[in-house]
Protein backbone atom coordinates (compact mmCIF):
# COMPACT_ATOMS: atom_id res chain seq x y z
CA MET A 1 0.00 0.00 0.00
CA ASP A 2 1.32 3.44 -0.90
CA PHE A 3 1.06 6.36 1.47
CA GLU A 4 0.99 10.11 1.04
CA VAL A 5 2.31 12.59 3.58
CA GLU A 6 -0.33 15.02 4.79
CA THR A 7 0.61 18.05 6.86
CA ILE A 8 -1.78 19.85 9.21
CA VAL A 9 -1.10 23.09 11.08
CA ASN A 10 -3.04 23.28 14.36
CA GLU A 11 -4.57 26.49 15.73
CA ASP A 12 -1.62 26.89 18.11
CA GLY A 13 0.87 26.70 15.21
CA ASP A 14 2.04 23.12 15.75
CA VAL A 15 2.74 21.24 12.55
CA GLN A 16 1.73 17.58 12.39
CA THR A 17 2.43 15.20 9.57
CA PHE A 18 0.44 12.07 8.89
CA HIS A 19 0.92 9.19 6.51
CA VAL A 20 -2.39 8.43 4.88
CA PRO A 21 -3.14 5.76 2.29
CA LYS A 22 -3.28 6.98 -1.30
CA SER A 23 -6.66 6.94 -2.94
CA TYR A 24 -7.58 3.49 -4.18
CA GLU A 25 -9.05 3.03 -7.62
CA PHE A 26 -10.90 -0.22 -8.29
CA SER A 27 -10.58 -1.91 -11.68
CA HIS A 28 -13.04 -4.64 -12.74
CA GLU A 29 -10.56 -5.77 -15.39
CA THR A 30 -7.76 -6.23 -12.86
CA ALA A 31 -10.11 -8.08 -10.50
CA ARG A 32 -11.16 -10.48 -13.28
CA LYS A 33 -7.51 -11.16 -14.13
CA GLU A 34 -6.82 -11.95 -10.48
CA ILE A 35 -9.74 -14.37 -10.42
CA GLU A 36 -8.24 -16.10 -13.47
CA LYS A 37 -4.89 -16.42 -11.69
CA MET A 38 -6.55 -17.67 -8.50
CA VAL A 39 -8.47 -20.39 -10.36
CA ILE A 40 -5.39 -21.51 -12.30
CA VAL A 41 -2.73 -21.32 -9.57
CA ASP A 42 -4.90 -22.82 -6.82
CA GLU A 43 -6.37 -25.38 -9.23
CA LEU A 44 -9.90 -24.40 -8.32
CA PRO A 45 -12.92 -25.53 -10.30
CA PHE A 46 -14.53 -22.85 -12.46
CA LEU A 47 -17.65 -23.35 -10.35
CA HIS A 48 -15.80 -21.75 -7.42
CA VAL A 49 -16.86 -18.26 -8.55
CA GLU A 50 -20.50 -19.26 -8.18
CA CYS A 51 -20.17 -20.64 -4.64
CA SER A 52 -22.12 -18.68 -2.05
CA ARG A 53 -19.13 -18.13 0.29
CA PHE A 54 -17.01 -16.68 -2.52
CA ARG A 55 -19.87 -14.41 -3.56
CA ASP A 56 -20.45 -13.34 0.05
CA PHE A 57 -16.75 -12.51 0.38
CA CYS A 58 -16.75 -10.43 -2.81
CA GLU A 59 -19.92 -8.64 -1.70
CA ILE A 60 -18.26 -7.62 1.56
CA MET A 61 -15.00 -6.56 -0.09
CA ARG A 62 -16.48 -4.70 -3.06
CA PRO A 63 -20.29 -4.58 -3.21
CA LYS A 64 -20.46 -3.23 -6.78
CA PHE A 65 -18.11 -5.85 -8.25
CA VAL A 66 -19.90 -7.93 -10.86
CA ILE A 67 -18.69 -11.48 -10.28
CA PRO A 68 -18.15 -13.24 -13.59
CA SER A 69 -19.96 -16.52 -14.26
CA ARG A 70 -18.07 -19.80 -14.46
CA ALA A 71 -18.49 -19.73 -18.24
CA THR A 72 -16.82 -16.32 -18.39
CA VAL A 73 -13.99 -17.46 -16.12
CA THR A 74 -13.55 -20.54 -18.30
CA ARG A 75 -13.27 -18.36 -21.41
CA ASP A 76 -10.89 -15.94 -19.67
CA CYS A 77 -8.61 -18.76 -18.50
CA TYR A 78 -8.63 -20.39 -21.93
CA ALA A 79 -7.75 -17.06 -23.56
CA LEU A 80 -4.90 -16.65 -21.09
CA PHE A 81 -3.70 -20.17 -21.92
CA THR A 82 -3.70 -19.54 -25.67
């Protein structure tokens, strides 16, 4: 995780610096590529993306993420292979 330095001057003139996380930008394309890698490296069945626990996890982590179907993951993995 990258951090930015943020400086704040208090009312009494004290200067404080904080390290705050940089803004995070979510990418559906990157997330789909990571799912491909996860399925291939961990030798998971394509059906894994349709399991309720995986979907619950994704919903908690990123509610607006559209989880690809197993057919889409199959196509993505095959395209990566070729």
